[in-house]
């Protein structure tokens, strides 16, 4: 297995784990049976595939590109068309599960692609993930489902931050509020996963604020493309933009609570400690 990353630390760890470090995407793709692309944006994926020293310079025709990057459905369809023209197969397979899922091999692949492309990519997805959600036989549906997932997560992280900050401001014990909600009808994975970070003021990044400024923008664009109103998504987006403006773009997305703390003149972690 060969890999390339712009971060030297990532390549050092990759070699420690048994991989072979490549100097460029083209070198990583040379002779590959399958090319996996995991980057932050569609623009970066474009550079990886078609830019200077891009993978398409060496990737053999007929080889499948497994695109695990979150992007809009339209962008995924455009990649499929471009790769079809160069004689390559494409799987639109953004992932969910975060850095923990990646480390533990428990990611969920939200995948769509032709039968031939899926057949080539499925064994690798089975190694890296615990679930493959097969969404269709062409690019687009995979990214659509991931878009909805991110829309929901972004709204729920912002709503959870709003709720716990209001609780602290109103004088309720944030620890009790966490426990009550976690035991009732409003419980969710987001509440149980993000609120402890807010209570501890621990914003060590797992999934960062900047992911939601990107992914909620994708959701809003997707909604606009089909003339669908998404007011809750737009409201959540503004809170993540505000968190980024405050310098928290690379912090864990739970740091969106800082927006509420600043505007509401409250400190959630301090309130939790006083209890």
Protein backbone atom coordinates (compact mmCIF):
# COMPACT_ATOMS: atom_id res chain seq x y z
CA UNK A 1 0.00 0.00 0.00
CA UNK A 2 1.31 3.42 -1.01
CA UNK A 3 0.03 6.74 0.23
CA UNK A 4 0.56 10.46 -0.09
CA UNK A 5 -0.36 13.32 2.23
CA UNK A 6 0.78 16.94 2.34
CA UNK A 7 1.35 16.55 6.10
CA UNK A 8 4.74 15.07 6.94
CA UNK A 9 3.46 13.76 10.28
CA UNK A 10 0.74 11.77 8.53
CA UNK A 11 3.28 10.17 6.21
CA UNK A 12 5.57 9.31 9.12
CA UNK A 13 2.69 7.56 10.90
CA UNK A 14 1.65 5.83 7.67
CA UNK A 15 5.13 4.35 7.31
CA UNK A 16 5.15 3.26 10.96
CA UNK A 17 1.87 1.45 10.28
CA UNK A 18 3.44 -0.45 7.39
CA UNK A 19 2.62 1.74 4.40
CA UNK A 20 4.98 3.05 1.77
CA UNK A 21 5.20 6.85 1.49
CA UNK A 22 4.95 8.35 -1.99
CA UNK A 23 6.29 11.76 -2.97
CA UNK A 24 3.28 12.70 -5.11
CA UNK A 25 -0.25 11.49 -5.86
CA UNK A 26 1.03 10.25 -9.22
CA UNK A 27 3.66 8.10 -7.52
CA UNK A 28 1.08 6.72 -5.08
CA UNK A 29 -1.28 5.80 -7.95
CA UNK A 30 1.33 4.15 -10.18
CA UNK A 31 0.36 0.49 -10.52
CA UNK A 32 -2.47 0.76 -7.99
CA UNK A 33 -5.44 -1.61 -8.15
CA UNK A 34 -7.63 0.97 -6.38
CA UNK A 35 -7.15 4.66 -5.61
CA UNK A 36 -8.69 6.02 -2.39
CA UNK A 37 -9.05 9.81 -2.11
CA UNK A 38 -9.72 11.25 1.36
CA UNK A 39 -9.28 15.03 1.44
CA UNK A 40 -11.21 17.98 2.83
CA UNK A 41 -12.80 19.58 -0.24
CA UNK A 42 -13.77 18.83 -3.83
CA UNK A 43 -11.16 21.35 -4.98
CA UNK A 44 -8.45 19.35 -3.20
CA UNK A 45 -9.77 16.15 -4.79
CA UNK A 46 -9.54 17.82 -8.19
CA UNK A 47 -5.91 18.69 -7.49
CA UNK A 48 -5.13 15.15 -6.31
CA UNK A 49 -6.55 13.62 -9.48
CA UNK A 50 -5.90 16.15 -12.24
CA UNK A 51 -3.38 18.68 -10.90
CA UNK A 52 0.39 18.82 -11.14
CA UNK A 53 1.72 15.33 -10.37
CA UNK A 54 -1.90 14.21 -10.12
CA UNK A 55 -2.87 10.57 -9.80
CA UNK A 56 -4.45 10.38 -13.26
CA UNK A 57 -0.99 10.72 -14.81
CA UNK A 58 -0.18 7.16 -13.75
CA UNK A 59 -3.43 5.46 -12.76
CA UNK A 60 -4.14 2.66 -15.21
CA UNK A 61 -7.30 2.78 -17.27
CA UNK A 62 -10.06 0.65 -15.83
CA UNK A 63 -8.92 1.31 -12.26
CA UNK A 64 -11.52 2.49 -9.74
CA UNK A 65 -11.29 5.74 -7.80
CA UNK A 66 -12.93 5.46 -4.36
CA UNK A 67 -13.83 9.04 -3.48
CA UNK A 68 -14.32 9.33 0.28
CA UNK A 69 -14.39 13.13 0.27
CA UNK A 70 -17.57 14.96 1.26
CA UNK A 71 -18.78 17.12 -1.62
CA UNK A 72 -22.00 18.17 -3.29
CA UNK A 73 -23.93 15.63 -5.39
CA UNK A 74 -23.29 17.75 -8.48
CA UNK A 75 -19.54 17.72 -7.84
CA UNK A 76 -19.57 13.93 -7.40
CA UNK A 77 -21.42 13.54 -10.69
CA UNK A 78 -18.89 15.80 -12.40
CA UNK A 79 -16.01 13.66 -11.12
CA UNK A 80 -17.72 10.53 -12.39
CA UNK A 81 -18.13 12.07 -15.83
CA UNK A 82 -14.51 13.22 -16.02
CA UNK A 83 -13.17 9.86 -14.89
CA UNK A 84 -15.43 7.99 -17.28
CA UNK A 85 -13.93 10.06 -20.08
CA UNK A 86 -10.41 9.01 -19.01
CA UNK A 87 -11.41 5.34 -18.81
CA UNK A 88 -11.64 5.06 -15.03
CA UNK A 89 -14.41 3.91 -12.69
CA UNK A 90 -15.71 5.98 -9.79
CA UNK A 91 -17.42 5.34 -6.46
CA UNK A 92 -19.07 8.29 -4.72
CA UNK A 93 -18.47 7.21 -1.11
CA UNK A 94 -18.18 9.93 1.52
CA UNK A 95 -17.62 8.56 5.01
CA UNK A 96 -19.06 9.27 8.43
CA UNK A 97 -17.70 8.27 11.81
CA UNK A 98 -15.00 10.88 12.34
CA UNK A 99 -11.39 10.36 13.33
CA UNK A 100 -12.36 7.74 15.91
CA UNK A 101 -14.13 5.68 13.25
CA UNK A 102 -11.12 6.00 10.98
CA UNK A 103 -8.72 4.90 13.71
CA UNK A 104 -10.89 1.95 14.73
CA UNK A 105 -11.98 0.86 11.25
CA UNK A 106 -15.64 1.47 12.03
CA UNK A 107 -16.48 4.12 9.43
CA UNK A 108 -19.75 4.10 7.52
CA UNK A 109 -19.33 4.42 3.75
CA UNK A 110 -22.27 6.13 2.05
CA UNK A 111 -21.59 4.74 -1.41
CA UNK A 112 -23.03 4.87 -4.89
CA UNK A 113 -21.51 3.76 -8.17
CA UNK A 114 -21.70 1.27 -10.98
CA UNK A 115 -21.72 -2.44 -10.18
CA UNK A 116 -18.16 -2.82 -11.51
CA UNK A 117 -16.86 0.13 -9.49
CA UNK A 118 -18.59 -1.03 -6.31
CA UNK A 119 -17.24 -4.54 -6.75
CA UNK A 120 -13.69 -3.20 -6.98
CA UNK A 121 -14.04 -0.90 -3.98
CA UNK A 122 -16.15 -3.02 -1.63
CA UNK A 123 -13.32 -5.16 -0.15
CA UNK A 124 -11.38 -2.05 0.87
CA UNK A 125 -14.48 -0.38 2.31
CA UNK A 126 -15.14 -3.52 4.34
CA UNK A 127 -11.66 -3.29 5.86
CA UNK A 128 -11.90 0.42 6.70
CA UNK A 129 -15.51 0.49 7.84
CA UNK A 130 -18.21 -1.32 9.75
CA UNK A 131 -21.03 -0.45 7.36
CA UNK A 132 -21.51 0.20 3.65
CA UNK A 133 -24.75 1.99 2.83
CA UNK A 134 -25.28 1.36 -0.89
CA UNK A 135 -27.33 4.21 -2.30
CA UNK A 136 -27.42 3.79 -6.07
CA UNK A 137 -25.69 2.76 -9.28
CA UNK A 138 -24.20 6.15 -10.17
CA UNK A 139 -22.49 9.09 -8.48
CA UNK A 140 -24.66 11.59 -6.61
CA UNK A 141 -26.89 9.56 -4.28
CA UNK A 142 -23.99 8.79 -1.93
CA UNK A 143 -23.15 12.47 -1.59
CA UNK A 144 -26.83 13.34 -1.20
CA UNK A 145 -27.25 11.00 1.77
CA UNK A 146 -24.01 12.27 3.36
CA UNK A 147 -25.21 15.84 2.81
CA UNK A 148 -28.38 15.08 4.78
CA UNK A 149 -26.34 13.42 7.54
CA UNK A 150 -24.12 16.48 7.87
CA UNK A 151 -27.08 18.83 7.78
CA UNK A 152 -28.66 16.93 10.67
CA UNK A 153 -25.43 16.74 12.68
CA UNK A 154 -24.67 20.44 12.24
CA UNK A 155 -28.14 21.47 13.35
CA UNK A 156 -28.01 19.11 16.34
CA UNK A 157 -24.56 20.26 17.50
CA UNK A 158 -25.67 23.90 17.35
CA UNK A 159 -28.99 23.10 19.06
CA UNK A 160 -27.23 21.14 21.80
CA UNK A 161 -24.84 24.04 22.42
CA UNK A 162 -27.74 26.48 22.53
CA UNK A 163 -29.64 24.30 25.01
CA UNK A 164 -26.79 23.72 27.45
CA UNK A 165 -25.74 27.38 27.35
CA UNK A 166 -29.30 28.51 28.04
CA UNK A 167 -29.54 26.02 30.90
CA UNK A 168 -26.38 27.43 32.48
CA UNK A 169 -27.53 31.02 31.95
CA UNK A 170 -30.90 30.26 33.55
CA UNK A 171 -29.19 28.81 36.62
CA UNK A 172 -29.79 25.11 36.04
CA UNK A 173 -27.03 22.63 36.83
CA UNK A 174 -25.57 21.73 33.39
CA UNK A 175 -24.61 18.27 34.68
CA UNK A 176 -28.19 17.52 35.68
CA UNK A 177 -29.47 18.90 32.36
CA UNK A 178 -27.08 16.63 30.50
CA UNK A 179 -28.24 13.59 32.45
CA UNK A 180 -31.97 14.37 32.10
CA UNK A 181 -31.80 14.94 28.35
CA UNK A 182 -29.63 11.85 27.89
CA UNK A 183 -32.35 9.83 29.63
CA UNK A 184 -35.34 11.28 27.78
CA UNK A 185 -36.96 11.70 24.40
CA UNK A 186 -34.53 14.42 23.28
CA UNK A 187 -31.46 12.22 23.70
CA UNK A 188 -29.16 11.77 20.73
CA UNK A 189 -25.66 10.64 19.87
CA UNK A 190 -24.71 14.28 19.33
CA UNK A 191 -25.97 15.28 22.80
CA UNK A 192 -24.20 12.40 24.52
CA UNK A 193 -20.99 12.92 22.56
CA UNK A 194 -20.66 16.72 22.41
CA UNK A 195 -22.08 17.98 25.70
CA UNK A 196 -19.37 16.33 27.86
CA UNK A 197 -16.77 18.24 25.81
CA UNK A 198 -18.65 21.50 26.41
CA UNK A 199 -18.96 20.78 30.15
CA UNK A 200 -15.23 20.04 30.37
CA UNK A 201 -14.25 22.90 28.05
CA UNK A 202 -12.28 20.29 26.08
CA UNK A 203 -12.22 21.20 22.40
CA UNK A 204 -9.50 18.79 21.34
CA UNK A 205 -10.43 18.27 17.68
CA UNK A 206 -12.20 15.13 16.57
CA UNK A 207 -14.50 16.75 14.04
CA UNK A 208 -13.68 20.45 13.67
CA UNK A 209 -15.87 23.54 13.39
CA UNK A 210 -14.54 24.10 9.86
CA UNK A 211 -16.10 20.85 8.66
CA UNK A 212 -19.56 22.26 9.33
CA UNK A 213 -18.91 25.60 7.68
CA UNK A 214 -18.09 23.52 4.59
CA UNK A 215 -20.72 20.81 4.87
CA UNK A 216 -23.64 23.03 5.82
CA UNK A 217 -22.76 25.20 2.83
CA UNK A 218 -23.02 22.06 0.69
CA UNK A 219 -26.44 21.33 2.20
CA UNK A 220 -27.68 24.88 1.59
CA UNK A 221 -26.46 24.77 -1.99
CA UNK A 222 -28.09 21.38 -2.50
CA UNK A 223 -31.35 22.69 -1.08
CA UNK A 224 -31.21 25.73 -3.36
CA UNK A 225 -30.62 23.48 -6.38
CA UNK A 226 -33.98 21.78 -5.78
CA UNK A 227 -35.78 24.94 -4.55
CA UNK A 228 -36.13 23.59 -1.02
CA UNK A 229 -36.17 25.87 2.08
CA UNK A 230 -33.69 24.97 4.83
CA UNK A 231 -33.98 27.65 7.52
CA UNK A 232 -32.62 25.53 10.38
CA UNK A 233 -29.56 24.64 8.33
CA UNK A 234 -29.00 28.32 7.56
CA UNK A 235 -29.28 29.27 11.24
CA UNK A 236 -26.82 26.56 12.30
CA UNK A 237 -24.44 27.63 9.55
CA UNK A 238 -24.30 31.16 10.98
CA UNK A 239 -23.30 29.84 14.40
CA UNK A 240 -20.42 27.83 12.95
CA UNK A 241 -19.32 30.84 10.90
CA UNK A 242 -19.37 32.89 14.10
CA UNK A 243 -17.28 30.26 15.89
CA UNK A 244 -14.77 30.35 13.03
CA UNK A 245 -14.65 34.15 13.20
CA UNK A 246 -13.85 33.84 16.91
CA UNK A 247 -10.82 31.69 16.08
CA UNK A 248 -12.29 28.24 16.69
CA UNK A 249 -12.27 26.93 13.12
CA UNK A 250 -9.78 24.17 13.92
CA UNK A 251 -11.24 23.31 17.32
CA UNK A 252 -13.68 20.47 17.89
CA UNK A 253 -17.14 21.38 16.62
CA UNK A 254 -18.39 21.41 20.22
CA UNK A 255 -16.61 24.78 20.42
CA UNK A 256 -19.68 26.32 18.76
CA UNK A 257 -20.88 26.66 22.37
CA UNK A 258 -18.39 29.54 22.69
CA UNK A 259 -20.64 31.61 20.43
CA UNK A 260 -23.53 31.20 22.87
CA UNK A 261 -21.28 31.76 25.87
CA UNK A 262 -20.00 35.02 24.41
CA UNK A 263 -23.35 36.41 23.32
CA UNK A 264 -25.13 35.17 26.44
CA UNK A 265 -22.40 36.15 28.93
CA UNK A 266 -22.24 32.65 30.43
CA UNK A 267 -19.57 30.02 30.99
CA UNK A 268 -20.95 26.50 30.68
CA UNK A 269 -17.86 24.73 32.01
CA UNK A 270 -17.61 27.08 34.99
CA UNK A 271 -21.28 26.50 35.78
CA UNK A 272 -20.69 22.74 35.61
CA UNK A 273 -17.73 22.98 37.99
CA UNK A 274 -19.69 25.01 40.54
CA UNK A 275 -22.37 22.35 40.77
